[in-house]
Amino acid sequence: MKKIIVGTVFLMSVVSCSDFLVSEPVEQISIVDQLSNKKGMLQALNGAYYQVRFTYNSEASYIYGDLLSGNIAFTPSSTSIISIPTRVVRIYNFDDQPASSNISGIYSSSYQLINNVNLILQYADALPDATDQEINEIKAEALALRAFSHFQLFKYYAQNYTYTSNASHPGIVYNTEPLKVGVDYPSRKTTAETFALLQDDIDSALSLIQPDKAIPAGESKNFITPVALKAIAAEIALYRNDWQKAYDYSTDIINNSGLQLTAQSDLVNNWGNAESIWELANTDENDSPLSLIYTFVKAIGDETQTWPLYSASNDVYNMYSQDDLRKQLFDTYNISTKSSAGTASLPYHFTKKHNGTTTNIVYRFSLLYFIRAEAALHLGNTAQALADINIIRNRAGLNTLNSITIDVLIEEKRKEFAFENLYFFDLMRNHKNIVRNNGCISTNCSPSYPNDKFVASIPQAALEVNSNMQQNPGY
């Protein structure tokens, strides 16, 4: 993937649309030259998608929601010793620090991406060789990427929407224009202001988006489509407790997208691909960063067997009954493990969700049933909430529930979306405590809500560059 460097601005691009996601060196060119024609604009947009993949699927970013909430346990090293990996030790202990943050890369990469899409938006209207429809689609996808990136930043760096009664607590810096280092020093918006800006970007994108994607390469599900945009909108509405919008967006997708849930007969072997709404493409070498993080791969021939650092805690694994088909989405292997009682070969459970046949799914159809169910429950439509949860349960081979509460819904969602980076954020939205029992070796296994450390620290570099930046309380 090429980087076009102009001062402090990075635009990711590719040689051509057919040479998809190939890394090659490139000469320095100006922003004006890069974004002065449709080809250069599409190269920059494609680069933005690549940077979403790089940021969203980075190790510390993607494991965050499962690691902090108790879905993840650690595996022993080749010397049979279990320890916390250095690169996640601070977030695991709820002790992330500004000068040594485990997730500072999420912050810097996300704002770099936002600056890049803002440049795309700044120059798109002036394209001389693109139709109005093509320009509108470029802008719609850029606006959606801007909303999505700000939304992800909010999850990590700001307390949930209802942390204060009027959402007046600090949200995030929300950039709607390209920034010049040394000139622009934006301050954080309140959480209410953050979500108003998110909705503005969503509404603008919805008004512009076309049936056909902007980049004439790759599969449609690798890019922002109208359905993917509505899925982003539905989740943002859910996090805002805008139950009616969450219900309406999710119902629209369920009824009108033409998508279907993965069939029960295909659930174990093809759990996600069949119902994928938006997924981030692998490179031409078909490498999946999520597969490297989570998947146990057997050694071939004389190879030395290695395994992922992360396995399923018994807290989550034991939630699946024997007749739950989703329990078959785990591989179990015995690994030599040292403890105070000696060394023993113990079973470890590894998710198969991110194996080589599954790409990097951001949104899948099942999520919309949970969004609608939660929204319906808060709107007093218990029958709809129960029906939606039972559809997911029945597909997994489980019996029908006769009643539903928010705690039951959260538990059902935990089972459906384990190792998809959701559970911690669901707990925070619903003001729940963290309970990490089996396999927890943290210095802070079960912190209670509310808690300053349930959000990460603003990285020190951001504080030094921006005198208007406000650090999160507790750091």
Protein backbone atom coordinates (compact mmCIF):
# COMPACT_ATOMS: atom_id res chain seq x y z
CA MET A 1 0.00 0.00 0.00
CA LYS A 2 1.49 3.29 -1.07
CA LYS A 3 1.68 6.34 1.13
CA ILE A 4 1.48 9.78 -0.42
CA ILE A 5 3.19 12.07 2.02
CA VAL A 6 2.74 15.80 2.08
CA GLY A 7 4.00 17.36 5.26
CA THR A 8 2.08 15.63 8.04
CA VAL A 9 -0.73 14.32 5.84
CA PHE A 10 -0.80 10.70 4.65
CA LEU A 11 -3.02 9.49 1.85
CA MET A 12 -3.06 5.75 1.24
CA SER A 13 -3.55 4.65 -2.34
CA VAL A 14 -3.06 1.90 -4.88
CA VAL A 15 -1.65 1.88 -8.41
CA SER A 16 -4.95 0.91 -9.99
CA CYS A 17 -8.29 -0.49 -8.97
CA SER A 18 -7.34 -3.89 -10.34
CA ASP A 19 -4.09 -3.88 -8.35
CA PHE A 20 -6.17 -4.05 -5.18
CA LEU A 21 -4.37 -3.48 -1.87
CA VAL A 22 -0.89 -4.14 -3.28
CA SER A 23 1.99 -2.42 -1.50
CA GLU A 24 4.38 -0.50 -3.72
CA PRO A 25 6.67 2.51 -3.25
CA VAL A 26 5.55 5.82 -4.69
CA GLU A 27 6.96 9.27 -5.33
CA GLN A 28 5.83 12.23 -3.29
CA ILE A 29 3.00 14.16 -4.92
CA SER A 30 0.85 17.03 -3.76
CA ILE A 31 -2.61 16.67 -2.30
CA VAL A 32 -4.00 18.83 -5.09
CA ASP A 33 -2.51 16.53 -7.74
CA GLN A 34 -3.68 13.37 -5.98
CA LEU A 35 -7.25 14.55 -5.59
CA SER A 36 -7.61 16.45 -8.87
CA ASN A 37 -9.09 13.57 -10.86
CA LYS A 38 -11.34 10.58 -10.34
CA LYS A 39 -8.55 8.00 -10.47
CA GLY A 40 -6.52 9.72 -7.77
CA MET A 41 -9.63 10.31 -5.68
CA LEU A 42 -10.59 6.63 -5.82
CA GLN A 43 -7.03 5.64 -4.94
CA ALA A 44 -7.26 7.85 -1.86
CA LEU A 45 -10.68 6.46 -0.93
CA ASN A 46 -9.42 2.91 -1.32
CA GLY A 47 -6.51 3.81 0.91
CA ALA A 48 -8.94 5.04 3.54
CA TYR A 49 -10.63 1.63 3.55
CA TYR A 50 -7.23 -0.01 3.97
CA GLN A 51 -6.51 2.23 6.94
CA VAL A 52 -9.85 1.29 8.53
CA ARG A 53 -8.77 -2.35 8.24
CA PHE A 54 -5.35 -1.58 9.70
CA THR A 55 -6.83 0.37 12.63
CA TYR A 56 -10.02 -1.54 13.42
CA ASN A 57 -8.37 -4.96 13.17
CA SER A 58 -5.21 -4.17 15.10
CA GLU A 59 -4.64 -6.56 17.98
CA ALA A 60 -5.23 -4.23 20.92
CA SER A 61 -8.22 -2.64 19.22
CA TYR A 62 -10.06 -5.80 18.20
CA ILE A 63 -9.56 -7.88 21.37
CA TYR A 64 -10.51 -4.94 23.60
CA GLY A 65 -14.20 -5.71 24.02
CA ASP A 66 -13.57 -9.37 24.84
CA LEU A 67 -10.40 -8.95 26.90
CA LEU A 68 -11.76 -6.34 29.28
CA SER A 69 -15.08 -8.11 29.81
CA GLY A 70 -13.88 -11.63 30.63
CA ASN A 71 -14.34 -13.55 27.38
CA ILE A 72 -10.59 -14.01 26.95
CA ALA A 73 -8.09 -16.08 28.91
CA PHE A 74 -4.39 -16.35 28.14
CA THR A 75 -2.60 -19.43 26.89
CA PRO A 76 0.72 -20.70 28.24
CA SER A 77 3.99 -19.99 26.45
CA SER A 78 6.23 -22.71 25.04
CA THR A 79 7.70 -22.94 28.55
CA SER A 80 4.21 -23.71 29.94
CA ILE A 81 3.99 -20.40 31.82
CA ILE A 82 0.93 -18.13 31.61
CA SER A 83 1.54 -14.38 31.68
CA ILE A 84 -0.11 -11.22 30.41
CA PRO A 85 1.27 -10.11 27.03
CA THR A 86 3.16 -6.86 27.48
CA ARG A 87 1.35 -5.18 24.60
CA VAL A 88 -2.04 -5.46 26.35
CA VAL A 89 -1.05 -5.55 30.04
CA ARG A 90 -2.18 -1.98 30.78
CA ILE A 91 -5.63 -2.24 29.24
CA TYR A 92 -6.11 -5.69 30.78
CA ASN A 93 -5.37 -4.27 34.25
CA PHE A 94 -7.53 -1.18 33.59
CA ASP A 95 -4.36 0.85 34.00
CA ASP A 96 -3.80 2.40 30.59
CA GLN A 97 -1.43 5.35 30.89
CA PRO A 98 -1.02 8.44 28.66
CA ALA A 99 2.73 8.00 28.16
CA SER A 100 2.63 4.22 27.65
CA SER A 101 -0.84 3.43 26.32
CA ASN A 102 -1.44 0.01 24.76
CA ILE A 103 -3.93 1.53 22.31
CA SER A 104 -2.36 4.88 21.41
CA GLY A 105 -2.08 3.63 17.82
CA ILE A 106 -5.87 3.49 17.58
CA TYR A 107 -6.05 7.17 18.48
CA SER A 108 -3.39 8.43 16.08
CA SER A 109 -4.37 6.17 13.18
CA SER A 110 -8.06 7.01 13.51
CA TYR A 111 -7.49 10.75 13.43
CA GLN A 112 -5.07 10.39 10.52
CA LEU A 113 -7.81 8.48 8.69
CA ILE A 114 -10.38 11.15 9.56
CA ASN A 115 -8.09 13.86 8.24
CA ASN A 116 -7.66 11.92 5.01
CA VAL A 117 -11.40 11.49 4.40
CA ASN A 118 -11.87 15.18 5.20
CA LEU A 119 -9.43 15.95 2.39
CA ILE A 120 -11.44 13.70 0.08
CA LEU A 121 -14.60 15.57 1.04
CA GLN A 122 -12.89 18.92 0.52
CA TYR A 123 -11.85 18.16 -3.06
CA ALA A 124 -14.61 15.81 -4.29
CA ASP A 125 -16.99 18.46 -5.64
CA ALA A 126 -14.29 19.83 -7.95
CA LEU A 127 -13.59 16.57 -9.80
CA PRO A 128 -13.67 17.40 -13.52
CA ASP A 129 -14.02 13.83 -14.80
CA ALA A 130 -16.69 12.40 -12.48
CA THR A 131 -20.45 12.51 -12.78
CA ASP A 132 -22.64 14.02 -10.09
CA GLN A 133 -23.68 10.50 -9.09
CA GLU A 134 -20.05 9.39 -8.77
CA ILE A 135 -19.16 12.44 -6.70
CA ASN A 136 -22.15 11.87 -4.43
CA GLU A 137 -21.11 8.25 -3.86
CA ILE A 138 -17.52 9.21 -3.05
CA LYS A 139 -18.77 11.77 -0.55
CA ALA A 140 -21.29 9.35 0.97
CA GLU A 141 -18.66 6.69 1.57
CA ALA A 142 -16.21 9.25 2.96
CA LEU A 143 -18.85 10.64 5.33
CA ALA A 144 -19.73 7.12 6.48
CA LEU A 145 -16.05 6.33 7.13
CA ARG A 146 -15.75 9.59 9.07
CA ALA A 147 -18.75 8.73 11.21
CA PHE A 148 -17.59 5.15 11.75
CA SER A 149 -14.08 6.24 12.78
CA HIS A 150 -15.31 8.88 15.21
CA PHE A 151 -17.78 6.34 16.62
CA GLN A 152 -15.00 3.84 17.29
CA LEU A 153 -12.93 6.53 19.00
CA PHE A 154 -15.89 7.37 21.20
CA LYS A 155 -16.19 3.76 22.35
CA TYR A 156 -12.62 3.66 23.64
CA TYR A 157 -12.10 7.21 24.87
CA ALA A 158 -15.42 8.45 26.25
CA GLN A 159 -17.87 7.24 28.85
CA ASN A 160 -21.18 5.89 27.54
CA TYR A 161 -23.95 8.26 26.46
CA THR A 162 -25.95 8.01 29.70
CA TYR A 163 -22.94 8.34 32.01
CA THR A 164 -24.39 11.75 32.84
CA SER A 165 -28.10 12.48 32.69
CA ASN A 166 -27.77 14.98 29.84
CA ALA A 167 -24.69 13.56 28.08
CA SER A 168 -22.72 16.64 29.07
CA HIS A 169 -19.55 14.70 29.93
CA PRO A 170 -16.56 14.80 27.56
CA GLY A 171 -16.98 13.04 24.25
CA ILE A 172 -14.25 13.22 21.63
CA VAL A 173 -12.68 15.69 19.24
CA TYR A 174 -14.89 15.57 16.13
CA ASN A 175 -13.09 16.82 13.05
CA THR A 176 -15.16 17.87 10.05
CA GLU A 177 -12.38 19.75 8.24
CA PRO A 178 -8.75 18.87 7.40
CA LEU A 179 -6.42 20.00 10.16
CA LYS A 180 -3.06 21.73 9.85
CA VAL A 181 -0.56 20.77 12.55
CA GLY A 182 0.49 23.89 14.42
CA VAL A 183 -2.63 25.77 13.37
CA ASP A 184 -5.68 23.81 14.49
CA TYR A 185 -6.12 22.85 18.14
CA PRO A 186 -9.63 21.39 18.47
CA SER A 187 -11.17 20.67 21.85
CA ARG A 188 -13.36 17.74 22.82
CA LYS A 189 -17.08 17.98 22.22
CA THR A 190 -19.54 16.89 24.86
CA THR A 191 -21.00 13.44 24.36
CA ALA A 192 -24.32 14.99 23.29
CA GLU A 193 -22.50 17.14 20.72
CA THR A 194 -20.49 14.14 19.52
CA PHE A 195 -23.61 12.13 18.77
CA ALA A 196 -25.31 15.08 17.10
CA LEU A 197 -22.33 15.32 14.73
CA LEU A 198 -22.40 11.56 14.16
CA GLN A 199 -26.05 11.82 13.17
CA ASP A 200 -25.30 14.77 10.87
CA ASP A 201 -22.71 12.70 9.02
CA ILE A 202 -25.06 9.72 8.80
CA ASP A 203 -27.94 11.85 7.50
CA SER A 204 -25.69 13.50 4.91
CA ALA A 205 -24.33 10.15 3.77
CA LEU A 206 -27.84 8.68 3.50
CA SER A 207 -28.93 11.61 1.31
CA LEU A 208 -25.99 11.09 -1.07
CA ILE A 209 -25.38 7.35 -1.28
CA GLN A 210 -25.98 5.60 -4.61
CA PRO A 211 -26.81 1.97 -5.45
CA ASP A 212 -23.32 1.36 -6.89
CA LYS A 213 -20.09 1.64 -4.87
CA ALA A 214 -17.46 4.19 -5.87
CA ILE A 215 -14.49 1.84 -6.42
CA PRO A 216 -14.94 -0.54 -9.39
CA ALA A 217 -13.00 -3.41 -7.80
CA GLY A 218 -13.53 -5.90 -5.01
CA GLU A 219 -16.81 -7.15 -3.61
CA SER A 220 -19.56 -4.75 -2.65
CA LYS A 221 -19.45 -5.96 0.97
CA ASN A 222 -15.87 -4.65 1.25
CA PHE A 223 -17.20 -1.10 0.96
CA ILE A 224 -19.90 1.13 2.39
CA THR A 225 -23.20 0.18 0.76
CA PRO A 226 -26.61 1.61 1.64
CA VAL A 227 -27.20 -1.39 3.91
CA ALA A 228 -23.80 -1.02 5.61
CA LEU A 229 -24.50 2.68 6.15
CA LYS A 230 -27.82 1.90 7.81
CA ALA A 231 -26.11 -0.71 10.01
CA ILE A 232 -23.67 1.95 11.22
CA ALA A 233 -26.62 4.27 11.78
CA ALA A 234 -28.52 1.62 13.75
CA GLU A 235 -25.60 0.96 16.08
CA ILE A 236 -24.94 4.66 16.64
CA ALA A 237 -28.62 5.14 17.52
CA LEU A 238 -28.41 2.21 19.94
CA TYR A 239 -25.43 3.77 21.73
CA ARG A 240 -27.32 7.06 21.92
CA ASN A 241 -30.36 5.33 23.45
CA ASP A 242 -32.37 6.66 20.53
CA TRP A 243 -34.56 3.61 20.62
CA GLN A 244 -36.93 4.64 17.85
CA LYS A 245 -34.16 5.34 15.34
CA ALA A 246 -32.38 2.10 16.33
CA TYR A 247 -35.64 0.21 15.83
CA ASP A 248 -36.40 1.85 12.49
CA TYR A 249 -32.94 1.44 10.98
CA SER A 250 -32.66 -2.19 12.04
CA THR A 251 -36.21 -3.02 10.89
CA ASP A 252 -35.49 -1.45 7.51
CA ILE A 253 -32.46 -3.71 7.04
CA ILE A 254 -34.24 -6.84 8.30
CA ASN A 255 -37.26 -6.28 6.04
CA ASN A 256 -35.80 -4.65 2.95
CA SER A 257 -32.12 -5.56 2.50
CA GLY A 258 -32.71 -8.95 0.93
CA LEU A 259 -30.24 -10.45 3.41
CA GLN A 260 -30.94 -13.60 5.37
CA LEU A 261 -29.50 -15.09 8.52
CA THR A 262 -26.98 -17.87 8.09
CA ALA A 263 -28.98 -21.08 7.94
CA GLN A 264 -28.82 -23.42 10.92
CA SER A 265 -27.34 -26.14 8.71
CA ASP A 266 -24.48 -23.81 7.75
CA LEU A 267 -23.91 -22.14 11.11
CA VAL A 268 -20.86 -24.14 12.18
CA ASN A 269 -19.04 -24.18 8.85
CA ASN A 270 -19.98 -20.74 7.57
CA TRP A 271 -21.19 -18.74 10.54
CA GLY A 272 -20.51 -15.24 9.22
CA ASN A 273 -19.80 -15.02 5.51
CA ALA A 274 -23.35 -15.74 4.40
CA GLU A 275 -24.79 -12.83 6.41
CA SER A 276 -21.91 -10.37 6.09
CA ILE A 277 -22.99 -6.75 5.59
CA TRP A 278 -19.59 -5.04 5.68
CA GLU A 279 -16.23 -6.74 5.92
CA LEU A 280 -12.71 -5.41 5.48
CA ALA A 281 -10.88 -7.09 2.64
CA ASN A 282 -7.76 -9.17 3.09
CA THR A 283 -4.70 -8.34 1.02
CA ASP A 284 -3.85 -10.23 -2.17
CA GLU A 285 -1.98 -12.72 0.04
CA ASN A 286 -5.32 -13.31 1.82
CA ASP A 287 -3.83 -12.65 5.23
CA SER A 288 -6.35 -11.93 7.96
CA PRO A 289 -5.04 -10.11 11.03
CA LEU A 290 -7.88 -11.56 13.08
CA SER A 291 -6.94 -15.10 12.12
CA LEU A 292 -3.41 -14.47 13.38
CA ILE A 293 -4.79 -13.19 16.69
CA TYR A 294 -7.27 -15.97 17.47
CA THR A 295 -6.98 -19.12 15.35
CA PHE A 296 -5.21 -22.31 16.44
CA VAL A 297 -3.46 -23.78 13.40
CA LYS A 298 -2.03 -27.29 13.58
CA ALA A 299 1.65 -27.72 12.75
CA ILE A 300 2.45 -29.53 9.51
CA GLY A 301 5.29 -32.05 9.28
CA ASP A 302 8.33 -30.98 11.28
CA GLU A 303 6.99 -27.52 12.11
CA THR A 304 7.04 -26.45 15.75
CA GLN A 305 3.49 -26.08 17.03
CA THR A 306 2.55 -22.60 18.15
CA TRP A 307 -0.81 -21.24 19.25
CA PRO A 308 -2.54 -17.89 19.79
CA LEU A 309 -2.02 -15.89 22.96
CA TYR A 310 -5.76 -15.72 23.51
CA SER A 311 -8.29 -18.46 24.21
CA ALA A 312 -11.84 -18.53 25.51
CA SER A 313 -12.27 -18.18 29.25
CA ASN A 314 -14.46 -20.80 30.87
CA ASP A 315 -16.66 -17.87 31.90
CA VAL A 316 -17.85 -17.63 28.32
CA TYR A 317 -17.21 -21.19 27.08
CA ASN A 318 -19.35 -22.75 29.81
CA MET A 319 -22.29 -20.50 28.89
CA TYR A 320 -22.88 -22.65 25.81
CA SER A 321 -24.98 -25.73 26.53
CA GLN A 322 -24.06 -28.97 24.79
CA ASP A 323 -26.95 -28.63 22.34
CA ASP A 324 -25.93 -25.08 21.37
CA LEU A 325 -24.49 -25.33 17.86
CA ARG A 326 -22.27 -22.33 18.56
CA LYS A 327 -20.24 -24.44 20.97
CA GLN A 328 -18.92 -26.16 17.85
CA LEU A 329 -17.32 -22.85 16.87
CA PHE A 330 -14.50 -23.68 19.30
CA ASP A 331 -11.51 -25.97 18.93
CA THR A 332 -10.16 -27.56 22.11
CA TYR A 333 -6.50 -28.51 22.53
CA ASN A 334 -4.51 -29.64 25.54
CA ILE A 335 -1.43 -27.54 26.32
CA SER A 336 1.22 -28.04 28.98
CA THR A 337 0.61 -25.55 31.79
CA LYS A 338 2.57 -24.73 34.93
CA SER A 339 0.85 -23.79 38.16
CA SER A 340 1.59 -23.88 41.88
CA ALA A 341 0.39 -27.50 41.85
CA GLY A 342 2.90 -28.48 39.15
CA THR A 343 2.72 -28.97 35.38
CA ALA A 344 -0.29 -30.52 33.70
CA SER A 345 -1.79 -30.80 30.23
CA LEU A 346 -4.92 -28.66 30.35
CA PRO A 347 -7.66 -27.98 27.79
CA TYR A 348 -7.84 -24.58 26.06
CA HIS A 349 -10.69 -23.48 23.81
CA PHE A 350 -9.96 -21.44 20.69
CA THR A 351 -12.59 -19.64 18.63
CA LYS A 352 -12.91 -20.73 15.01
CA LYS A 353 -14.74 -17.56 14.00
CA HIS A 354 -11.69 -15.96 12.43
CA ASN A 355 -10.22 -18.91 10.58
CA GLY A 356 -8.88 -18.69 7.05
CA THR A 357 -12.29 -18.97 5.39
CA THR A 358 -13.77 -16.02 7.28
CA THR A 359 -12.69 -12.49 6.48
CA ASN A 360 -12.79 -9.42 8.69
CA ILE A 361 -16.49 -8.85 9.33
CA VAL A 362 -17.50 -5.49 10.80
CA TYR A 363 -21.28 -5.90 10.61
CA ARG A 364 -23.35 -9.02 10.05
CA PHE A 365 -27.09 -9.49 9.76
CA SER A 366 -27.57 -11.10 13.17
CA LEU A 367 -26.58 -7.87 14.90
CA LEU A 368 -29.64 -6.10 13.56
CA TYR A 369 -31.92 -8.56 15.37
CA PHE A 370 -30.20 -7.72 18.65
CA ILE A 371 -30.33 -3.98 17.98
CA ARG A 372 -34.04 -4.19 17.20
CA ALA A 373 -34.68 -6.45 20.20
CA GLU A 374 -32.98 -4.05 22.62
CA ALA A 375 -34.72 -1.04 21.12
CA ALA A 376 -38.08 -2.84 21.18
CA LEU A 377 -37.60 -3.80 24.81
CA HIS A 378 -37.03 -0.15 25.77
CA LEU A 379 -39.98 0.94 23.66
CA GLY A 380 -42.25 -1.47 25.54
CA ASN A 381 -42.61 -3.91 22.65
CA THR A 382 -41.61 -7.00 24.61
CA ALA A 383 -43.18 -9.38 22.09
CA GLN A 384 -40.92 -8.12 19.29
CA ALA A 385 -37.83 -8.29 21.51
CA LEU A 386 -38.64 -11.85 22.52
CA ALA A 387 -39.33 -12.89 18.93
CA ASP A 388 -36.01 -11.51 17.69
CA ILE A 389 -33.96 -13.19 20.42
CA ASN A 390 -35.76 -16.49 19.88
CA ILE A 391 -34.95 -16.39 16.16
CA ILE A 392 -31.25 -16.35 17.05
CA ARG A 393 -31.64 -18.96 19.80
CA ASN A 394 -33.68 -21.32 17.62
CA ARG A 395 -31.10 -21.10 14.87
CA ALA A 396 -28.46 -22.18 17.39
CA GLY A 397 -30.59 -25.23 18.25
CA LEU A 398 -31.91 -23.87 21.53
CA ASN A 399 -35.43 -23.82 22.91
CA THR A 400 -37.71 -20.79 22.80
CA LEU A 401 -37.67 -18.36 25.72
CA ASN A 402 -40.96 -17.26 27.27
CA SER A 403 -39.76 -13.98 28.76
CA ILE A 404 -37.04 -11.42 28.12
CA THR A 405 -35.16 -8.85 30.23
CA ILE A 406 -32.20 -6.65 29.40
CA ASP A 407 -29.89 -9.00 31.33
CA VAL A 408 -31.12 -12.00 29.35
CA LEU A 409 -30.65 -10.06 26.13
CA ILE A 410 -27.08 -9.10 27.05
CA GLU A 411 -26.27 -12.72 27.87
CA GLU A 412 -27.72 -13.94 24.58
CA LYS A 413 -25.76 -11.29 22.70
CA ARG A 414 -22.58 -12.30 24.53
CA LYS A 415 -22.95 -15.85 23.27
CA GLU A 416 -23.74 -14.83 19.71
CA PHE A 417 -20.96 -12.26 19.38
CA ALA A 418 -18.13 -13.65 21.53
CA PHE A 419 -14.79 -12.67 19.98
CA GLU A 420 -16.38 -9.96 17.85
CA ASN A 421 -15.38 -7.06 20.12
CA LEU A 422 -18.79 -6.12 21.51
CA TYR A 423 -19.35 -7.39 25.03
CA PHE A 424 -17.45 -4.79 27.08
CA PHE A 425 -19.17 -1.93 25.28
CA ASP A 426 -22.58 -3.55 25.83
CA LEU A 427 -21.85 -3.75 29.54
CA MET A 428 -20.82 -0.10 29.67
CA ARG A 429 -23.93 1.08 27.82
CA ASN A 430 -26.05 -0.76 30.35
CA HIS A 431 -24.07 0.37 33.42
CA LYS A 432 -22.95 -3.14 34.38
CA ASN A 433 -19.99 -4.25 36.49
CA ILE A 434 -17.11 -6.25 35.03
CA VAL A 435 -16.95 -9.84 36.28
CA ARG A 436 -13.85 -11.79 35.27
CA ASN A 437 -13.47 -15.07 37.12
CA ASN A 438 -11.97 -18.02 35.27
CA GLY A 439 -8.46 -17.41 34.02
CA CYS A 440 -8.27 -13.83 35.27
CA ILE A 441 -4.71 -12.90 36.25
CA SER A 442 -5.26 -9.15 36.29
CA THR A 443 -4.51 -6.92 39.27
CA ASN A 444 -8.09 -5.66 38.81
CA CYS A 445 -10.33 -8.56 37.78
CA SER A 446 -13.80 -7.23 38.56
CA PRO A 447 -14.05 -3.42 38.70
CA SER A 448 -17.45 -1.90 39.38
CA TYR A 449 -19.43 0.60 37.35
CA PRO A 450 -19.07 3.59 37.24
CA ASN A 451 -15.32 3.77 36.90
CA ASP A 452 -12.90 6.32 35.46
CA LYS A 453 -10.79 3.47 34.11
CA PHE A 454 -13.58 2.14 31.90
CA VAL A 455 -12.26 4.53 29.25
CA ALA A 456 -8.70 4.72 27.97
CA SER A 457 -6.36 7.63 28.58
CA ILE A 458 -5.84 10.26 25.91
CA PRO A 459 -2.27 9.58 24.66
CA GLN A 460 0.42 11.93 25.91
CA ALA A 461 1.41 12.87 22.36
CA ALA A 462 -2.08 14.25 21.72
CA LEU A 463 -1.95 16.29 24.92
CA GLU A 464 1.43 17.76 23.98
CA VAL A 465 0.38 18.73 20.46
CA ASN A 466 -3.01 20.14 21.44
CA SER A 467 -3.15 22.53 24.38
CA ASN A 468 -6.95 22.43 24.25
CA MET A 469 -7.09 18.67 24.79
CA GLN A 470 -8.78 17.51 28.00
CA GLN A 471 -7.50 14.31 29.60
CA ASN A 472 -10.00 11.77 30.90
CA PRO A 473 -10.55 11.85 34.69
CA GLY A 474 -8.42 9.42 36.67
CA TYR A 475 -5.29 9.79 34.51
